[in-house]
Amino acid sequence: MSDTDTYIYGIHPVSEALSGKETKVERIYIKEGLRSKAIHTILELASSKRVPVTDIQGRKIHELVGKVNDQGIIARMAETSYLELEDWLPQIDVSANPFIIILDEIEDVHNFGAILRSAAAAGAAGVIVPKHRQAPVNATVYKTSAGTAGKIPIIRVTNVNQTLQTLKDYGFWTAALDHKGTQTIWEIDYNTPMALIIGSEGHGVRKKTLDYSDFILSIPMENGVESLNASVSAALLMFEIQRRKYS
């Protein structure tokens, strides 16, 4: 077991990480003697995916993930395989009016994980992240995303602004969230391929990136509140698009 290994812990995150067509789970470790109904379900999933399972002492689990609420089960994850934009983008069916998320330097792992979870739930085609000043996909991200981190394509790029231009060439419109937005998220038509830009926790979307945006959107708020947490704002925007799709 390497010090650089990434582990997720808890019954629900491990179960989610095992589900789906492909899994990034390399091995599961279960506390010796623990065999609840939920654990048996995970064992069946692991068997169907040919993921090996090892019983270990509880203290060893704590050595690997710390004294957290591990529920007696952890999973070692394969290193995240980020996609390349030039490989991923041609696979997107722009005629279906997909939306993608672009993160502009989200450094908080909890926000990153929560955004991945919302993106997966809302049906985003993918999440684009910069190579620099961006939270990694680590154990906390897997935990916060409830295991959905491995269920949505994550594309890593060198330059966000150049990526926006490439997306425009493919027919995407770009919209950035900013508390000084000229339109609210309720006011524009999302019936087109959309790239949604979410800014960092500290300074929001960078000015040059705002300049590349076709729309600058805000979320109406009351009681003197200027902005929301990045992951909450992202979720509101994504599910507004989802609502339009089914209304």
Protein backbone atom coordinates (compact mmCIF):
# COMPACT_ATOMS: atom_id res chain seq x y z
CA MET A 1 0.00 0.00 0.00
CA SER A 2 1.59 3.22 -1.16
CA ASP A 3 1.45 6.51 0.71
CA THR A 4 0.23 8.08 -2.52
CA ASP A 5 -2.77 5.75 -2.85
CA THR A 6 -6.23 7.32 -2.80
CA TYR A 7 -8.87 5.71 -0.60
CA ILE A 8 -12.58 6.34 -0.20
CA TYR A 9 -14.46 5.19 2.85
CA GLY A 10 -17.99 4.47 3.93
CA ILE A 11 -20.67 2.10 2.66
CA HIS A 12 -22.47 4.49 0.30
CA PRO A 13 -19.38 6.00 -1.40
CA VAL A 14 -17.84 2.55 -1.92
CA SER A 15 -21.11 1.16 -3.26
CA GLU A 16 -21.50 4.10 -5.65
CA ALA A 17 -17.91 3.77 -6.83
CA LEU A 18 -18.56 0.12 -7.70
CA SER A 19 -21.75 0.78 -9.64
CA GLY A 20 -21.94 1.68 -13.31
CA LYS A 21 -20.35 0.08 -16.34
CA GLU A 22 -16.78 0.73 -15.28
CA THR A 23 -15.23 1.18 -11.87
CA LYS A 24 -12.04 2.81 -10.64
CA VAL A 25 -12.00 0.65 -7.49
CA GLU A 26 -8.83 -1.44 -7.40
CA ARG A 27 -9.33 -3.23 -4.08
CA ILE A 28 -11.73 -3.15 -1.14
CA TYR A 29 -10.68 -3.52 2.50
CA ILE A 30 -13.25 -4.58 5.11
CA LYS A 31 -12.87 -4.68 8.87
CA GLU A 32 -12.39 -8.24 10.05
CA GLY A 33 -15.66 -9.93 11.05
CA LEU A 34 -17.89 -7.20 9.57
CA ARG A 35 -20.66 -8.76 7.47
CA SER A 36 -23.83 -6.66 7.51
CA LYS A 37 -26.50 -6.74 4.81
CA ALA A 38 -24.99 -3.64 3.20
CA ILE A 39 -21.52 -5.23 3.24
CA HIS A 40 -22.88 -8.38 1.59
CA THR A 41 -24.39 -6.23 -1.17
CA ILE A 42 -21.00 -4.60 -1.73
CA LEU A 43 -19.31 -8.00 -1.79
CA GLU A 44 -21.69 -9.10 -4.53
CA LEU A 45 -20.98 -5.93 -6.52
CA ALA A 46 -17.25 -6.40 -6.06
CA SER A 47 -17.48 -9.99 -7.24
CA SER A 48 -19.42 -8.98 -10.35
CA LYS A 49 -16.73 -6.40 -11.17
CA ARG A 50 -13.88 -8.74 -10.24
CA VAL A 51 -12.62 -6.33 -7.60
CA PRO A 52 -10.60 -8.16 -4.91
CA VAL A 53 -11.65 -7.86 -1.26
CA THR A 54 -9.33 -8.12 1.74
CA ASP A 55 -10.24 -8.33 5.42
CA ILE A 56 -8.01 -6.18 7.62
CA GLN A 57 -7.93 -5.03 11.23
CA GLY A 58 -9.80 -1.87 12.17
CA ARG A 59 -6.59 -0.17 13.30
CA LYS A 60 -5.13 -0.70 9.82
CA ILE A 61 -8.10 1.07 8.28
CA HIS A 62 -7.42 4.01 10.59
CA GLU A 63 -3.78 4.03 9.52
CA LEU A 64 -4.88 4.37 5.89
CA VAL A 65 -7.69 6.93 6.15
CA GLY A 66 -7.46 8.36 9.64
CA LYS A 67 -10.07 8.25 12.38
CA VAL A 68 -13.07 9.01 10.21
CA ASN A 69 -16.53 7.46 9.97
CA ASP A 70 -15.32 4.68 7.68
CA GLN A 71 -18.12 2.25 8.64
CA GLY A 72 -15.57 -0.53 8.50
CA ILE A 73 -14.97 -0.37 4.75
CA ILE A 74 -12.56 1.46 2.47
CA ALA A 75 -11.63 1.15 -1.19
CA ARG A 76 -8.39 1.90 -2.97
CA MET A 77 -9.03 3.88 -6.12
CA ALA A 78 -7.14 3.89 -9.39
CA GLU A 79 -5.39 7.10 -10.28
CA THR A 80 -7.78 9.54 -11.95
CA SER A 81 -7.56 9.42 -15.72
CA TYR A 82 -8.27 12.91 -16.96
CA LEU A 83 -9.48 13.14 -20.54
CA GLU A 84 -7.93 15.32 -23.22
CA LEU A 85 -10.22 17.94 -24.74
CA GLU A 86 -9.33 17.02 -28.32
CA ASP A 87 -10.24 13.38 -27.66
CA TRP A 88 -13.42 14.01 -25.70
CA LEU A 89 -15.03 16.91 -27.57
CA PRO A 90 -15.62 15.17 -30.94
CA GLN A 91 -17.67 12.53 -29.10
CA ILE A 92 -20.21 15.13 -27.91
CA ASP A 93 -23.51 15.30 -29.78
CA VAL A 94 -24.04 19.05 -29.96
CA SER A 95 -27.42 18.52 -31.65
CA ALA A 96 -28.71 17.23 -28.27
CA ASN A 97 -27.95 20.63 -26.68
CA PRO A 98 -25.65 19.29 -23.95
CA PHE A 99 -24.26 21.39 -21.16
CA ILE A 100 -20.81 21.13 -19.64
CA ILE A 101 -19.27 22.65 -16.53
CA ILE A 102 -16.02 24.59 -16.55
CA LEU A 103 -14.36 25.18 -13.19
CA ASP A 104 -12.24 28.32 -12.99
CA GLU A 105 -9.76 27.44 -10.24
CA ILE A 106 -11.94 25.67 -7.67
CA GLU A 107 -9.40 24.80 -4.97
CA ASP A 108 -11.70 23.55 -2.21
CA VAL A 109 -12.02 19.76 -2.42
CA HIS A 110 -15.47 19.78 -0.79
CA ASN A 111 -16.81 22.21 -3.37
CA PHE A 112 -15.22 20.20 -6.16
CA GLY A 113 -16.78 16.96 -4.95
CA ALA A 114 -20.20 18.56 -4.49
CA ILE A 115 -20.08 20.05 -7.99
CA LEU A 116 -19.18 16.67 -9.49
CA ARG A 117 -22.12 15.10 -7.68
CA SER A 118 -24.56 17.75 -8.94
CA ALA A 119 -23.12 17.56 -12.46
CA ALA A 120 -23.64 13.79 -12.56
CA ALA A 121 -27.16 14.08 -11.16
CA ALA A 122 -28.17 16.89 -13.52
CA GLY A 123 -26.85 15.11 -16.60
CA ALA A 124 -23.87 17.27 -17.49
CA ALA A 125 -21.84 15.94 -20.41
CA GLY A 126 -18.57 16.57 -18.59
CA VAL A 127 -16.59 18.79 -16.23
CA ILE A 128 -13.59 20.75 -17.50
CA VAL A 129 -10.88 21.74 -15.02
CA PRO A 130 -7.61 23.66 -15.36
CA LYS A 131 -4.28 21.99 -14.67
CA HIS A 132 -3.26 24.67 -12.19
CA ARG A 133 -4.95 26.01 -9.05
CA GLN A 134 -7.52 23.25 -9.15
CA ALA A 135 -8.41 20.77 -6.40
CA PRO A 136 -7.31 17.21 -7.23
CA VAL A 137 -9.60 14.21 -7.33
CA ASN A 138 -8.71 12.78 -3.94
CA ALA A 139 -10.43 10.83 -1.16
CA THR A 140 -12.33 13.89 0.08
CA VAL A 141 -13.61 14.62 -3.41
CA TYR A 142 -14.78 11.01 -3.79
CA LYS A 143 -16.45 11.16 -0.38
CA THR A 144 -18.16 14.52 -1.01
CA SER A 145 -19.30 13.42 -4.44
CA ALA A 146 -20.78 10.24 -2.89
CA GLY A 147 -18.82 8.13 -5.35
CA THR A 148 -20.00 9.97 -8.47
CA ALA A 149 -16.53 11.38 -9.18
CA GLY A 150 -15.83 8.37 -11.37
CA LYS A 151 -19.14 8.58 -13.22
CA ILE A 152 -18.70 11.80 -15.16
CA PRO A 153 -15.94 12.70 -17.63
CA ILE A 154 -13.34 15.08 -16.18
CA ILE A 155 -11.36 16.92 -18.81
CA ARG A 156 -8.18 18.76 -17.84
CA VAL A 157 -6.96 21.71 -19.90
CA THR A 158 -4.00 24.06 -19.80
CA ASN A 159 -5.82 27.28 -20.67
CA VAL A 160 -9.48 27.87 -19.81
CA ASN A 161 -9.90 30.86 -22.14
CA GLN A 162 -8.51 29.00 -25.14
CA THR A 163 -10.84 26.14 -24.26
CA LEU A 164 -13.81 28.51 -24.32
CA GLN A 165 -12.89 29.59 -27.83
CA THR A 166 -12.60 25.96 -28.92
CA LEU A 167 -16.02 25.23 -27.47
CA LYS A 168 -17.49 28.22 -29.30
CA ASP A 169 -16.06 26.85 -32.54
CA TYR A 170 -17.99 23.64 -31.79
CA GLY A 171 -21.23 25.57 -31.38
CA PHE A 172 -21.31 26.08 -27.62
CA TRP A 173 -22.50 29.28 -25.98
CA THR A 174 -20.66 30.24 -22.80
CA ALA A 175 -22.20 31.52 -19.57
CA ALA A 176 -20.34 32.56 -16.42
CA LEU A 177 -21.81 32.87 -12.94
CA ASP A 178 -21.01 36.19 -11.29
CA HIS A 179 -22.81 38.17 -8.59
CA LYS A 180 -22.65 41.23 -10.88
CA GLY A 181 -24.20 39.38 -13.79
CA THR A 182 -26.24 41.38 -16.28
CA GLN A 183 -28.94 38.69 -16.45
CA THR A 184 -30.30 36.20 -13.96
CA ILE A 185 -30.13 32.46 -14.44
CA TRP A 186 -33.91 32.50 -15.03
CA GLU A 187 -33.75 34.87 -17.99
CA ILE A 188 -31.81 33.15 -20.76
CA ASP A 189 -32.63 30.34 -23.16
CA TYR A 190 -30.65 27.16 -22.50
CA ASN A 191 -31.93 25.36 -25.59
CA THR A 192 -28.48 25.30 -27.13
CA PRO A 193 -25.11 23.68 -26.29
CA MET A 194 -23.93 25.49 -23.16
CA ALA A 195 -20.62 25.78 -21.31
CA LEU A 196 -21.23 26.98 -17.74
CA ILE A 197 -18.33 28.62 -15.93
CA ILE A 198 -18.09 28.44 -12.14
CA GLY A 199 -15.52 30.66 -10.45
CA SER A 200 -13.30 30.08 -7.46
CA GLU A 201 -14.40 30.48 -3.86
CA GLY A 202 -12.33 33.62 -3.35
CA HIS A 203 -12.47 35.83 -6.42
CA GLY A 204 -15.06 34.18 -8.66
CA VAL A 205 -14.60 33.91 -12.41
CA ARG A 206 -11.49 35.75 -13.57
CA LYS A 207 -12.03 38.97 -15.54
CA LYS A 208 -10.44 37.69 -18.76
CA THR A 209 -12.65 34.63 -18.59
CA LEU A 210 -15.71 36.84 -18.08
CA ASP A 211 -14.68 38.67 -21.25
CA TYR A 212 -14.84 35.36 -23.15
CA SER A 213 -18.35 34.66 -21.87
CA ASP A 214 -21.43 35.22 -24.01
CA PHE A 215 -23.57 35.63 -20.89
CA ILE A 216 -22.76 36.74 -17.36
CA LEU A 217 -25.42 35.38 -15.05
CA SER A 218 -26.38 36.08 -11.46
CA ILE A 219 -28.61 34.36 -8.92
CA PRO A 220 -31.18 36.74 -7.43
CA MET A 221 -30.77 36.98 -3.66
CA GLU A 222 -32.30 38.90 -0.79
CA ASN A 223 -31.40 40.11 2.69
CA GLY A 224 -28.09 41.60 1.59
CA VAL A 225 -26.54 38.25 0.66
CA GLU A 226 -24.05 38.84 -2.17
CA SER A 227 -23.10 35.31 -3.18
CA LEU A 228 -23.54 31.64 -2.44
CA ASN A 229 -21.07 28.81 -2.01
CA ALA A 230 -19.62 27.80 -5.41
CA SER A 231 -21.13 24.33 -5.31
CA VAL A 232 -24.58 25.63 -4.32
CA SER A 233 -24.52 28.20 -7.12
CA ALA A 234 -23.44 25.57 -9.63
CA ALA A 235 -26.23 23.22 -8.53
CA LEU A 236 -28.88 25.92 -8.87
CA LEU A 237 -27.76 26.69 -12.41
CA MET A 238 -27.50 23.07 -13.49
CA PHE A 239 -30.92 22.13 -12.17
CA GLU A 240 -32.48 25.20 -13.75
CA ILE A 241 -31.34 23.72 -17.07
CA GLN A 242 -32.69 20.33 -15.99
CA ARG A 243 -36.01 21.92 -15.03
CA ARG A 244 -36.33 23.56 -18.45
CA LYS A 245 -35.68 20.22 -20.12
CA TYR A 246 -38.61 18.55 -18.37
CA SER A 247 -41.05 21.47 -18.20
